[in-house]
Amino acid sequence: MTKAHHRDWGVMEALLMLVKEQGFVTTRQAAALGASANTLSRLVAGGQLVRPISCVHLPAAAWGALTPERKHALLVKGVLADHPGWVASHHSALALSGVPLWDVPFGTVHVAGQQRNSVRRSSVHLHVLRPGDPVGEASGNRVITPGLATLQVAARFGVTAGVVAADACLAAGLTSSTTLRRLAMSDRWRYGVAAVRLVVALADGRAESAMESVLRSHLSDAGWGLEPQANLGGPGAGYRADLLVEGRVVVEYDGEEKYAGPEGHQALLAEKAREDHLRAEGYGFVRITKARIGRPAAVRRLVARALADRGAHKAIPPSQRGSNQRYEGGTAV
């Protein structure tokens, strides 16, 4: 083997070691190790690395098993590694905090820097970091803090994307209703003001999954009373509903994963017993599957039909609590 081959193998080993240590390698980092573009291309062609965006390479073996949020977080880390003066913004900041996301462009990294104008590239959107924008840290990287990042998501990607992020941040204690309201009323918003303020009004930390937040967002403009995680009584600590509509219809997200694995059959039997009990107590029942959750109009029609079937009958939960309280973490607000 020639000296050149020895050198190439040494560079490739150093690259793969760096990937193992930090989870990615950037084109700039590779160049600093002496790797050419051809070296990176050979590793990609050989199935050792993947290149989701032009400047960041990741281990192929682990890539397929990662969630979209985790994949995006690695891309964000890679972009920031090459540009230490930038901060992650929008959903890119939230991904670094492990926040579940919905209907955002995972293939585009959103960052902010101290330049005069926003710049869009193929896979990076560089925004202007305004004076006073709150900056914190997540996963060892500088980020726009979760409250503002959540509202940036709402302004750019819509109400449902914003509600999913806001619910998760409230539940995890990453922001507060007070912070969201203050940020929403500031003069920083050039677009998306209506979406931002609606997200603040809808945000509720009781939601236990992104899909529950999506359902509530889909139903929010129908004018119905909505209560997340309503306790409807029953054995033990009582049965809870993903969403109780108008005090009489239970709306549940029915994900396939709930019934998968060795415990799936038992989970199915327990779910049937739960539904039978709630129906006997007078509640209507609507199950929304993964295939249907992306169709808001269809979801509203199903719930409207169930409400009509129940008529004016209202199966008030035993606790008799008000259905319009919002929760910040575990606290009613």
C-alpha atoms as a PDB file:
ATOM      1  CA  MET A   1       0.000   0.000   0.000  1.00  0.00           C
ATOM      2  CA  THR A   2       1.376   3.407  -0.968  1.00  0.00           C
ATOM      3  CA  LYS A   3       1.934   6.276   1.412  1.00  0.00           C
ATOM      4  CA  ALA A   4      -1.007   8.081  -0.217  1.00  0.00           C
ATOM      5  CA  HIS A   5      -3.268   5.126   0.507  1.00  0.00           C
ATOM      6  CA  HIS A   6      -2.052   4.972   4.099  1.00  0.00           C
ATOM      7  CA  ARG A   7      -2.780   8.680   4.445  1.00  0.00           C
ATOM      8  CA  ASP A   8      -6.282   8.312   2.962  1.00  0.00           C
ATOM      9  CA  TRP A   9      -7.088   5.431   5.305  1.00  0.00           C
ATOM     10  CA  GLY A  10      -5.828   7.458   8.247  1.00  0.00           C
ATOM     11  CA  VAL A  11      -8.022  10.401   7.272  1.00  0.00           C
ATOM     12  CA  MET A  12     -11.079   8.174   6.851  1.00  0.00           C
ATOM     13  CA  GLU A  13     -10.482   6.569  10.244  1.00  0.00           C
ATOM     14  CA  ALA A  14     -10.173  10.011  11.850  1.00  0.00           C
ATOM     15  CA  LEU A  15     -13.406  11.094  10.149  1.00  0.00           C
ATOM     16  CA  LEU A  16     -15.323   8.055  11.347  1.00  0.00           C
ATOM     17  CA  MET A  17     -13.952   8.493  14.856  1.00  0.00           C
ATOM     18  CA  LEU A  18     -15.179  12.103  14.923  1.00  0.00           C
ATOM     19  CA  VAL A  19     -18.590  10.973  13.678  1.00  0.00           C
ATOM     20  CA  LYS A  20     -18.735   8.402  16.478  1.00  0.00           C
ATOM     21  CA  GLU A  21     -17.804  11.014  19.096  1.00  0.00           C
ATOM     22  CA  GLN A  22     -20.174  13.840  18.121  1.00  0.00           C
ATOM     23  CA  GLY A  23     -22.762  12.115  15.922  1.00  0.00           C
ATOM     24  CA  PHE A  24     -21.876  14.018  12.736  1.00  0.00           C
ATOM     25  CA  VAL A  25     -19.044  15.571  10.768  1.00  0.00           C
ATOM     26  CA  THR A  26     -19.256  18.765   8.753  1.00  0.00           C
ATOM     27  CA  THR A  27     -17.567  19.451   5.452  1.00  0.00           C
ATOM     28  CA  ARG A  28     -15.419  22.080   7.152  1.00  0.00           C
ATOM     29  CA  GLN A  29     -14.377  19.700   9.938  1.00  0.00           C
ATOM     30  CA  ALA A  30     -13.535  17.056   7.358  1.00  0.00           C
ATOM     31  CA  ALA A  31     -11.353  19.507   5.455  1.00  0.00           C
ATOM     32  CA  ALA A  32      -9.501  20.370   8.666  1.00  0.00           C
ATOM     33  CA  LEU A  33      -8.668  16.663   9.017  1.00  0.00           C
ATOM     34  CA  GLY A  34      -7.321  16.603   5.484  1.00  0.00           C
ATOM     35  CA  ALA A  35     -10.345  14.929   3.853  1.00  0.00           C
ATOM     36  CA  SER A  36     -11.321  15.985   0.371  1.00  0.00           C
ATOM     37  CA  ALA A  37     -14.829  16.131  -1.051  1.00  0.00           C
ATOM     38  CA  ASN A  38     -13.999  12.875  -2.837  1.00  0.00           C
ATOM     39  CA  THR A  39     -13.216  11.180   0.470  1.00  0.00           C
ATOM     40  CA  LEU A  40     -16.599  12.166   1.868  1.00  0.00           C
ATOM     41  CA  SER A  41     -18.310  11.049  -1.333  1.00  0.00           C
ATOM     42  CA  ARG A  42     -16.632   7.646  -1.101  1.00  0.00           C
ATOM     43  CA  LEU A  43     -17.871   7.205   2.471  1.00  0.00           C
ATOM     44  CA  VAL A  44     -21.380   8.136   1.381  1.00  0.00           C
ATOM     45  CA  ALA A  45     -21.233   5.822  -1.650  1.00  0.00           C
ATOM     46  CA  GLY A  46     -19.906   3.031   0.555  1.00  0.00           C
ATOM     47  CA  GLY A  47     -22.865   3.315   2.921  1.00  0.00           C
ATOM     48  CA  GLN A  48     -20.900   4.480   5.935  1.00  0.00           C
ATOM     49  CA  LEU A  49     -22.203   8.052   5.940  1.00  0.00           C
ATOM     50  CA  VAL A  50     -25.338   9.853   4.787  1.00  0.00           C
ATOM     51  CA  ARG A  51     -25.478  13.473   3.653  1.00  0.00           C
ATOM     52  CA  PRO A  52     -29.004  14.840   4.315  1.00  0.00           C
ATOM     53  CA  ILE A  53     -27.846  18.409   3.658  1.00  0.00           C
ATOM     54  CA  SER A  54     -24.785  19.561   1.781  1.00  0.00           C
ATOM     55  CA  CYS A  55     -22.575  20.501   4.725  1.00  0.00           C
ATOM     56  CA  VAL A  56     -23.367  17.780   7.305  1.00  0.00           C
ATOM     57  CA  HIS A  57     -22.590  14.040   7.183  1.00  0.00           C
ATOM     58  CA  LEU A  58     -23.972  11.499   9.652  1.00  0.00           C
ATOM     59  CA  PRO A  59     -23.521   7.757  10.365  1.00  0.00           C
ATOM     60  CA  ALA A  60     -25.665   5.733   7.990  1.00  0.00           C
ATOM     61  CA  ALA A  61     -26.147   2.833  10.421  1.00  0.00           C
ATOM     62  CA  ALA A  62     -27.966   4.968  12.987  1.00  0.00           C
ATOM     63  CA  TRP A  63     -29.744   7.394  10.686  1.00  0.00           C
ATOM     64  CA  GLY A  64     -32.773   5.284   9.770  1.00  0.00           C
ATOM     65  CA  ALA A  65     -33.699   4.532  13.378  1.00  0.00           C
ATOM     66  CA  LEU A  66     -33.805   8.154  14.513  1.00  0.00           C
ATOM     67  CA  THR A  67     -36.994  10.201  14.904  1.00  0.00           C
ATOM     68  CA  PRO A  68     -37.416  13.205  12.597  1.00  0.00           C
ATOM     69  CA  GLU A  69     -36.773  15.501  15.567  1.00  0.00           C
ATOM     70  CA  ARG A  70     -33.542  13.711  16.476  1.00  0.00           C
ATOM     71  CA  LYS A  71     -32.339  13.733  12.854  1.00  0.00           C
ATOM     72  CA  HIS A  72     -33.018  17.432  12.641  1.00  0.00           C
ATOM     73  CA  ALA A  73     -31.234  18.113  15.924  1.00  0.00           C
ATOM     74  CA  LEU A  74     -28.065  16.510  14.519  1.00  0.00           C
ATOM     75  CA  LEU A  75     -28.290  18.648  11.381  1.00  0.00           C
ATOM     76  CA  VAL A  76     -28.678  21.749  13.542  1.00  0.00           C
ATOM     77  CA  LYS A  77     -25.631  20.809  15.618  1.00  0.00           C
ATOM     78  CA  GLY A  78     -23.638  20.342  12.442  1.00  0.00           C
ATOM     79  CA  VAL A  79     -24.589  23.734  11.025  1.00  0.00           C
ATOM     80  CA  LEU A  80     -23.827  25.477  14.324  1.00  0.00           C
ATOM     81  CA  ALA A  81     -20.486  23.687  14.621  1.00  0.00           C
ATOM     82  CA  ASP A  82     -19.366  25.387  11.414  1.00  0.00           C
ATOM     83  CA  HIS A  83     -20.867  28.760  12.403  1.00  0.00           C
ATOM     84  CA  PRO A  84     -20.303  29.390  16.128  1.00  0.00           C
ATOM     85  CA  GLY A  85     -21.714  32.928  15.870  1.00  0.00           C
ATOM     86  CA  TRP A  86     -25.168  31.668  14.895  1.00  0.00           C
ATOM     87  CA  VAL A  87     -27.977  30.541  17.214  1.00  0.00           C
ATOM     88  CA  ALA A  88     -30.662  27.955  16.441  1.00  0.00           C
ATOM     89  CA  SER A  89     -34.161  29.401  15.993  1.00  0.00           C
ATOM     90  CA  HIS A  90     -37.720  28.275  15.206  1.00  0.00           C
ATOM     91  CA  HIS A  91     -38.183  24.478  15.258  1.00  0.00           C
ATOM     92  CA  SER A  92     -34.424  23.976  15.027  1.00  0.00           C
ATOM     93  CA  ALA A  93     -34.033  25.452  18.520  1.00  0.00           C
ATOM     94  CA  LEU A  94     -36.877  23.293  19.846  1.00  0.00           C
ATOM     95  CA  ALA A  95     -35.425  20.110  18.337  1.00  0.00           C
ATOM     96  CA  LEU A  96     -32.266  20.643  20.406  1.00  0.00           C
ATOM     97  CA  SER A  97     -34.464  20.675  23.534  1.00  0.00           C
ATOM     98  CA  GLY A  98     -36.200  17.429  22.547  1.00  0.00           C
ATOM     99  CA  VAL A  99     -39.559  19.093  21.871  1.00  0.00           C
ATOM    100  CA  PRO A 100     -41.939  17.072  19.647  1.00  0.00           C
ATOM    101  CA  LEU A 101     -42.727  18.843  16.387  1.00  0.00           C
ATOM    102  CA  TRP A 102     -45.475  18.750  13.773  1.00  0.00           C
ATOM    103  CA  ASP A 103     -45.667  19.894  10.165  1.00  0.00           C
ATOM    104  CA  VAL A 104     -42.340  21.735  10.079  1.00  0.00           C
ATOM    105  CA  PRO A 105     -39.627  21.419   7.386  1.00  0.00           C
ATOM    106  CA  PHE A 106     -37.146  19.010   8.949  1.00  0.00           C
ATOM    107  CA  GLY A 107     -34.881  19.338   5.928  1.00  0.00           C
ATOM    108  CA  THR A 108     -34.234  23.038   6.541  1.00  0.00           C
ATOM    109  CA  VAL A 109     -32.185  24.290   9.491  1.00  0.00           C
ATOM    110  CA  HIS A 110     -33.345  27.649  10.869  1.00  0.00           C
ATOM    111  CA  VAL A 111     -30.730  29.804  12.562  1.00  0.00           C
ATOM    112  CA  ALA A 112     -30.238  33.482  13.422  1.00  0.00           C
ATOM    113  CA  GLY A 113     -27.187  35.682  13.207  1.00  0.00           C
ATOM    114  CA  GLN A 114     -26.162  39.293  13.474  1.00  0.00           C
ATOM    115  CA  GLN A 115     -26.468  40.334   9.841  1.00  0.00           C
ATOM    116  CA  ARG A 116     -28.756  42.929   8.268  1.00  0.00           C
ATOM    117  CA  ASN A 117     -30.965  40.705   6.123  1.00  0.00           C
ATOM    118  CA  SER A 118     -32.424  37.226   6.175  1.00  0.00           C
ATOM    119  CA  VAL A 119     -30.686  34.782   3.817  1.00  0.00           C
ATOM    120  CA  ARG A 120     -32.110  31.537   2.436  1.00  0.00           C
ATOM    121  CA  ARG A 121     -29.901  28.746   1.197  1.00  0.00           C
ATOM    122  CA  SER A 122     -30.863  25.284  -0.023  1.00  0.00           C
ATOM    123  CA  SER A 123     -30.959  23.760   3.450  1.00  0.00           C
ATOM    124  CA  VAL A 124     -30.272  26.660   5.840  1.00  0.00           C
ATOM    125  CA  HIS A 125     -32.452  29.695   6.543  1.00  0.00           C
ATOM    126  CA  LEU A 126     -30.443  32.419   8.274  1.00  0.00           C
ATOM    127  CA  HIS A 127     -32.674  34.941  10.061  1.00  0.00           C
ATOM    128  CA  VAL A 128     -31.743  38.257  11.633  1.00  0.00           C
ATOM    129  CA  LEU A 129     -31.028  38.024  15.369  1.00  0.00           C
ATOM    130  CA  ARG A 130     -32.771  41.084  16.751  1.00  0.00           C
ATOM    131  CA  PRO A 131     -31.541  43.049  19.774  1.00  0.00           C
ATOM    132  CA  GLY A 132     -33.306  41.679  22.823  1.00  0.00           C
ATOM    133  CA  ASP A 133     -34.089  38.267  21.347  1.00  0.00           C
ATOM    134  CA  PRO A 134     -33.738  35.872  24.290  1.00  0.00           C
ATOM    135  CA  VAL A 135     -30.892  33.400  23.785  1.00  0.00           C
ATOM    136  CA  GLY A 136     -30.233  30.356  25.928  1.00  0.00           C
ATOM    137  CA  GLU A 137     -28.522  26.979  25.625  1.00  0.00           C
ATOM    138  CA  ALA A 138     -29.724  23.499  24.714  1.00  0.00           C
ATOM    139  CA  SER A 139     -27.586  20.406  24.150  1.00  0.00           C
ATOM    140  CA  GLY A 140     -24.470  22.559  24.393  1.00  0.00           C
ATOM    141  CA  ASN A 141     -25.597  24.935  21.633  1.00  0.00           C
ATOM    142  CA  ARG A 142     -26.867  28.517  21.650  1.00  0.00           C
ATOM    143  CA  VAL A 143     -30.580  28.700  20.882  1.00  0.00           C
ATOM    144  CA  ILE A 144     -33.496  31.097  20.865  1.00  0.00           C
ATOM    145  CA  THR A 145     -35.296  30.262  24.103  1.00  0.00           C
ATOM    146  CA  PRO A 146     -38.301  27.890  23.851  1.00  0.00           C
ATOM    147  CA  GLY A 147     -41.006  30.505  24.375  1.00  0.00           C
ATOM    148  CA  LEU A 148     -39.946  32.670  21.445  1.00  0.00           C
ATOM    149  CA  ALA A 149     -38.969  29.658  19.298  1.00  0.00           C
ATOM    150  CA  THR A 150     -42.476  28.246  19.792  1.00  0.00           C
ATOM    151  CA  LEU A 151     -44.101  31.450  18.596  1.00  0.00           C
ATOM    152  CA  GLN A 152     -41.671  31.655  15.675  1.00  0.00           C
ATOM    153  CA  VAL A 153     -42.965  28.219  14.666  1.00  0.00           C
ATOM    154  CA  ALA A 154     -46.565  29.437  14.942  1.00  0.00           C
ATOM    155  CA  ALA A 155     -45.894  32.565  12.886  1.00  0.00           C
ATOM    156  CA  ARG A 156     -44.091  30.741  10.082  1.00  0.00           C
ATOM    157  CA  PHE A 157     -45.701  27.281  10.013  1.00  0.00           C
ATOM    158  CA  GLY A 158     -49.202  27.801  11.381  1.00  0.00           C
ATOM    159  CA  VAL A 159     -51.461  27.256  14.360  1.00  0.00           C
ATOM    160  CA  THR A 160     -51.267  23.470  14.635  1.00  0.00           C
ATOM    161  CA  ALA A 161     -47.462  23.424  14.485  1.00  0.00           C
ATOM    162  CA  GLY A 162     -47.447  26.138  17.155  1.00  0.00           C
ATOM    163  CA  VAL A 163     -49.947  24.394  19.448  1.00  0.00           C
ATOM    164  CA  VAL A 164     -47.951  21.140  19.379  1.00  0.00           C
ATOM    165  CA  ALA A 165     -44.770  22.988  20.330  1.00  0.00           C
ATOM    166  CA  ALA A 166     -46.447  25.214  22.930  1.00  0.00           C
ATOM    167  CA  ASP A 167     -48.218  22.324  24.686  1.00  0.00           C
ATOM    168  CA  ALA A 168     -44.994  20.332  24.885  1.00  0.00           C
ATOM    169  CA  CYS A 169     -42.966  23.290  26.180  1.00  0.00           C
ATOM    170  CA  LEU A 170     -45.539  24.073  28.867  1.00  0.00           C
ATOM    171  CA  ALA A 171     -45.733  20.431  29.945  1.00  0.00           C
ATOM    172  CA  ALA A 172     -41.940  20.199  30.199  1.00  0.00           C
ATOM    173  CA  GLY A 173     -41.594  23.512  32.038  1.00  0.00           C
ATOM    174  CA  LEU A 174     -39.530  25.024  29.201  1.00  0.00           C
ATOM    175  CA  THR A 175     -41.716  28.120  29.093  1.00  0.00           C
ATOM    176  CA  SER A 176     -44.782  29.570  30.830  1.00  0.00           C
ATOM    177  CA  SER A 177     -48.124  30.975  29.763  1.00  0.00           C
ATOM    178  CA  THR A 178     -47.012  34.356  31.092  1.00  0.00           C
ATOM    179  CA  THR A 179     -43.904  34.307  28.898  1.00  0.00           C
ATOM    180  CA  LEU A 180     -45.887  33.282  25.820  1.00  0.00           C
ATOM    181  CA  ARG A 181     -48.422  36.066  26.363  1.00  0.00           C
ATOM    182  CA  ARG A 182     -45.708  38.669  26.846  1.00  0.00           C
ATOM    183  CA  LEU A 183     -43.867  37.613  23.703  1.00  0.00           C
ATOM    184  CA  ALA A 184     -47.077  37.461  21.671  1.00  0.00           C
ATOM    185  CA  MET A 185     -47.960  41.050  22.569  1.00  0.00           C
ATOM    186  CA  SER A 186     -44.510  42.412  21.664  1.00  0.00           C
ATOM    187  CA  ASP A 187     -43.889  44.389  18.488  1.00  0.00           C
ATOM    188  CA  ARG A 188     -41.481  41.837  16.987  1.00  0.00           C
ATOM    189  CA  TRP A 189     -44.071  40.156  14.716  1.00  0.00           C
ATOM    190  CA  ARG A 190     -44.080  41.292  11.087  1.00  0.00           C
ATOM    191  CA  TYR A 191     -46.261  38.375   9.958  1.00  0.00           C
ATOM    192  CA  GLY A 192     -48.283  35.568  11.530  1.00  0.00           C
ATOM    193  CA  VAL A 193     -49.628  37.729  14.368  1.00  0.00           C
ATOM    194  CA  ALA A 194     -53.068  36.075  14.320  1.00  0.00           C
ATOM    195  CA  ALA A 195     -51.541  32.582  14.459  1.00  0.00           C
ATOM    196  CA  VAL A 196     -49.196  33.575  17.284  1.00  0.00           C
ATOM    197  CA  ARG A 197     -51.988  34.954  19.461  1.00  0.00           C
ATOM    198  CA  LEU A 198     -54.300  32.012  18.750  1.00  0.00           C
ATOM    199  CA  VAL A 199     -51.581  29.568  19.765  1.00  0.00           C
ATOM    200  CA  VAL A 200     -51.128  31.422  23.059  1.00  0.00           C
ATOM    201  CA  ALA A 201     -54.874  31.214  23.679  1.00  0.00           C
ATOM    202  CA  LEU A 202     -54.977  27.473  22.909  1.00  0.00           C
ATOM    203  CA  ALA A 203     -51.735  26.322  24.546  1.00  0.00           C
ATOM    204  CA  ASP A 204     -52.345  23.801  27.334  1.00  0.00           C
ATOM    205  CA  GLY A 205     -49.719  21.776  29.165  1.00  0.00           C
ATOM    206  CA  ARG A 206     -52.120  18.942  29.985  1.00  0.00           C
ATOM    207  CA  ALA A 207     -51.784  17.407  26.519  1.00  0.00           C
ATOM    208  CA  GLU A 208     -49.679  14.255  26.801  1.00  0.00           C
ATOM    209  CA  SER A 209     -48.711  13.769  23.170  1.00  0.00           C
ATOM    210  CA  ALA A 210     -48.254  15.707  19.958  1.00  0.00           C
ATOM    211  CA  MET A 211     -51.262  13.939  18.439  1.00  0.00           C
ATOM    212  CA  GLU A 212     -53.519  15.124  21.269  1.00  0.00           C
ATOM    213  CA  SER A 213     -52.369  18.676  20.578  1.00  0.00           C
ATOM    214  CA  VAL A 214     -53.032  18.219  16.853  1.00  0.00           C
ATOM    215  CA  LEU A 215     -56.576  17.016  17.565  1.00  0.00           C
ATOM    216  CA  ARG A 216     -57.316  19.966  19.826  1.00  0.00           C
ATOM    217  CA  SER A 217     -55.981  22.387  17.228  1.00  0.00           C
ATOM    218  CA  HIS A 218     -58.141  20.801  14.510  1.00  0.00           C
ATOM    219  CA  LEU A 219     -61.257  21.191  16.660  1.00  0.00           C
ATOM    220  CA  SER A 220     -60.489  24.610  18.133  1.00  0.00           C
ATOM    221  CA  ASP A 221     -62.270  26.700  15.503  1.00  0.00           C
ATOM    222  CA  ALA A 222     -65.573  24.813  15.816  1.00  0.00           C
ATOM    223  CA  GLY A 223     -66.580  26.716  18.952  1.00  0.00           C
ATOM    224  CA  TRP A 224     -66.854  23.601  21.128  1.00  0.00           C
ATOM    225  CA  GLY A 225     -65.742  23.342  24.743  1.00  0.00           C
ATOM    226  CA  LEU A 226     -62.557  21.229  24.798  1.00  0.00           C
ATOM    227  CA  GLU A 227     -60.920  19.640  27.837  1.00  0.00           C
ATOM    228  CA  PRO A 228     -57.606  17.787  27.467  1.00  0.00           C
ATOM    229  CA  GLN A 229     -56.945  14.748  29.650  1.00  0.00           C
ATOM    230  CA  ALA A 230     -60.356  14.887  31.313  1.00  0.00           C
ATOM    231  CA  ASN A 231     -60.786  12.410  34.176  1.00  0.00           C
ATOM    232  CA  LEU A 232     -64.144  10.721  33.605  1.00  0.00           C
ATOM    233  CA  GLY A 233     -64.207   8.472  36.644  1.00  0.00           C
ATOM    234  CA  GLY A 234     -64.054   4.692  36.708  1.00  0.00           C
ATOM    235  CA  PRO A 235     -61.881   2.061  38.389  1.00  0.00           C
ATOM    236  CA  GLY A 236     -58.840   3.145  40.365  1.00  0.00           C
ATOM    237  CA  ALA A 237     -57.747   6.670  39.588  1.00  0.00           C
ATOM    238  CA  GLY A 238     -60.391   6.903  36.869  1.00  0.00           C
ATOM    239  CA  TYR A 239     -60.341   6.818  33.093  1.00  0.00           C
ATOM    240  CA  ARG A 240     -58.943   9.802  31.257  1.00  0.00           C
ATOM    241  CA  ALA A 241     -59.842  11.030  27.787  1.00  0.00           C
ATOM    242  CA  ASP A 242     -57.362  12.501  25.338  1.00  0.00           C
ATOM    243  CA  LEU A 243     -59.974  15.191  24.702  1.00  0.00           C
ATOM    244  CA  LEU A 244     -63.498  15.711  26.018  1.00  0.00           C
ATOM    245  CA  VAL A 245     -65.717  17.751  23.695  1.00  0.00           C
ATOM    246  CA  GLU A 246     -68.723  19.645  25.058  1.00  0.00           C
ATOM    247  CA  GLY A 247     -68.723  17.428  28.142  1.00  0.00           C
ATOM    248  CA  ARG A 248     -70.223  14.498  26.243  1.00  0.00           C
ATOM    249  CA  VAL A 249     -67.966  13.141  23.478  1.00  0.00           C
ATOM    250  CA  VAL A 250     -64.588  11.513  24.067  1.00  0.00           C
ATOM    251  CA  VAL A 251     -62.087  12.011  21.236  1.00  0.00           C
ATOM    252  CA  GLU A 252     -59.065   9.717  21.225  1.00  0.00           C
ATOM    253  CA  TYR A 253     -56.010   9.396  19.033  1.00  0.00           C
ATOM    254  CA  ASP A 254     -55.728   5.694  18.235  1.00  0.00           C
ATOM    255  CA  GLY A 255     -52.094   5.106  17.321  1.00  0.00           C
ATOM    256  CA  GLU A 256     -51.109   1.656  16.084  1.00  0.00           C
ATOM    257  CA  GLU A 257     -48.102   1.601  18.390  1.00  0.00           C
ATOM    258  CA  LYS A 258     -50.442   1.338  21.383  1.00  0.00           C
ATOM    259  CA  TYR A 259     -51.343  -2.229  20.421  1.00  0.00           C
ATOM    260  CA  ALA A 260     -47.948  -3.373  19.142  1.00  0.00           C
ATOM    261  CA  GLY A 261     -45.550  -5.752  20.870  1.00  0.00           C
ATOM    262  CA  PRO A 262     -46.125  -8.576  23.325  1.00  0.00           C
ATOM    263  CA  GLU A 263     -48.437  -6.463  25.510  1.00  0.00           C
ATOM    264  CA  GLY A 264     -50.565  -5.362  22.558  1.00  0.00           C
ATOM    265  CA  HIS A 265     -53.394  -7.863  23.046  1.00  0.00           C
ATOM    266  CA  GLN A 266     -53.748  -6.985  26.718  1.00  0.00           C
ATOM    267  CA  ALA A 267     -53.733  -3.277  25.861  1.00  0.00           C
ATOM    268  CA  LEU A 268     -56.520  -3.873  23.334  1.00  0.00           C
ATOM    269  CA  LEU A 269     -58.660  -5.685  25.907  1.00  0.00           C
ATOM    270  CA  ALA A 270     -58.084  -2.947  28.492  1.00  0.00           C
ATOM    271  CA  GLU A 271     -59.004  -0.282  25.935  1.00  0.00           C
ATOM    272  CA  LYS A 272     -62.239  -2.090  25.059  1.00  0.00           C
ATOM    273  CA  ALA A 273     -63.198  -2.319  28.740  1.00  0.00           C
ATOM    274  CA  ARG A 274     -62.488   1.368  29.146  1.00  0.00           C
ATOM    275  CA  GLU A 275     -64.598   2.347  26.144  1.00  0.00           C
ATOM    276  CA  ASP A 276     -67.480   0.077  27.231  1.00  0.00           C
ATOM    277  CA  HIS A 277     -67.452   1.709  30.673  1.00  0.00           C
ATOM    278  CA  LEU A 278     -67.483   5.261  29.287  1.00  0.00           C
ATOM    279  CA  ARG A 279     -70.229   4.507  26.781  1.00  0.00           C
ATOM    280  CA  ALA A 280     -72.314   3.029  29.596  1.00  0.00           C
ATOM    281  CA  GLU A 281     -71.798   6.300  31.500  1.00  0.00           C
ATOM    282  CA  GLY A 282     -73.305   8.213  28.563  1.00  0.00           C
ATOM    283  CA  TYR A 283     -70.251   9.428  26.666  1.00  0.00           C
ATOM    284  CA  GLY A 284     -70.010   9.358  22.905  1.00  0.00           C
ATOM    285  CA  PHE A 285     -66.740   8.066  21.463  1.00  0.00           C
ATOM    286  CA  VAL A 286     -64.660   9.074  18.420  1.00  0.00           C
ATOM    287  CA  ARG A 287     -61.355   7.431  17.549  1.00  0.00           C
ATOM    288  CA  ILE A 288     -58.994   9.205  15.164  1.00  0.00           C
ATOM    289  CA  THR A 289     -56.367   7.106  13.399  1.00  0.00           C
ATOM    290  CA  LYS A 290     -52.992   8.134  12.043  1.00  0.00           C
ATOM    291  CA  ALA A 291     -54.403   8.072   8.507  1.00  0.00           C
ATOM    292  CA  ARG A 292     -57.126  10.577   9.382  1.00  0.00           C
ATOM    293  CA  ILE A 293     -55.391  12.981  11.739  1.00  0.00           C
ATOM    294  CA  GLY A 294     -53.936  14.987   8.867  1.00  0.00           C
ATOM    295  CA  ARG A 295     -57.448  15.766   7.557  1.00  0.00           C
ATOM    296  CA  PRO A 296     -58.913  18.425   9.885  1.00  0.00           C
ATOM    297  CA  ALA A 297     -62.256  18.754   8.070  1.00  0.00           C
ATOM    298  CA  ALA A 298     -62.858  14.994   8.289  1.00  0.00           C
ATOM    299  CA  VAL A 299     -62.016  15.021  12.007  1.00  0.00           C
ATOM    300  CA  ARG A 300     -64.491  17.856  12.635  1.00  0.00           C
ATOM    301  CA  ARG A 301     -67.238  16.047  10.721  1.00  0.00           C
ATOM    302  CA  LEU A 302     -66.797  12.899  12.805  1.00  0.00           C
ATOM    303  CA  VAL A 303     -66.964  14.831  16.062  1.00  0.00           C
ATOM    304  CA  ALA A 304     -69.958  16.903  14.906  1.00  0.00           C
ATOM    305  CA  ARG A 305     -71.805  13.685  14.048  1.00  0.00           C
ATOM    306  CA  ALA A 306     -71.020  12.192  17.469  1.00  0.00           C
ATOM    307  CA  LEU A 307     -72.218  15.364  19.206  1.00  0.00           C
ATOM    308  CA  ALA A 308     -75.447  15.287  17.206  1.00  0.00           C
ATOM    309  CA  ASP A 309     -75.960  11.643  18.165  1.00  0.00           C
ATOM    310  CA  ARG A 310     -75.597  12.536  21.837  1.00  0.00           C
ATOM    311  CA  GLY A 311     -78.046  15.418  21.501  1.00  0.00           C
ATOM    312  CA  ALA A 312     -78.190  17.704  24.497  1.00  0.00           C
ATOM    313  CA  HIS A 313     -77.216  14.964  26.928  1.00  0.00           C
ATOM    314  CA  LYS A 314     -74.124  15.960  28.847  1.00  0.00           C
ATOM    315  CA  ALA A 315     -72.224  13.306  30.779  1.00  0.00           C
ATOM    316  CA  ILE A 316     -70.456  15.632  33.211  1.00  0.00           C
ATOM    317  CA  PRO A 317     -67.283  14.109  34.689  1.00  0.00           C
ATOM    318  CA  PRO A 318     -67.569  13.217  38.405  1.00  0.00           C
ATOM    319  CA  SER A 319     -65.107  15.905  39.435  1.00  0.00           C
ATOM    320  CA  GLN A 320     -67.513  18.591  38.126  1.00  0.00           C
ATOM    321  CA  ARG A 321     -64.508  20.712  37.215  1.00  0.00           C
ATOM    322  CA  GLY A 322     -64.754  23.521  34.666  1.00  0.00           C
ATOM    323  CA  SER A 323     -63.828  22.351  31.181  1.00  0.00           C
ATOM    324  CA  ASN A 324     -62.058  25.514  30.070  1.00  0.00           C
ATOM    325  CA  GLN A 325     -59.190  25.664  32.569  1.00  0.00           C
ATOM    326  CA  ARG A 326     -55.787  25.632  30.945  1.00  0.00           C
ATOM    327  CA  TYR A 327     -52.784  24.053  32.578  1.00  0.00           C
ATOM    328  CA  GLU A 328     -49.184  25.157  32.705  1.00  0.00           C
ATOM    329  CA  GLY A 329     -47.372  21.989  33.670  1.00  0.00           C
ATOM    330  CA  GLY A 330     -49.526  20.607  36.474  1.00  0.00           C
ATOM    331  CA  THR A 331     -51.008  23.925  37.543  1.00  0.00           C
ATOM    332  CA  ALA A 332     -54.343  25.404  36.494  1.00  0.00           C
ATOM    333  CA  VAL A 333     -54.001  28.891  35.076  1.00  0.00           C
END
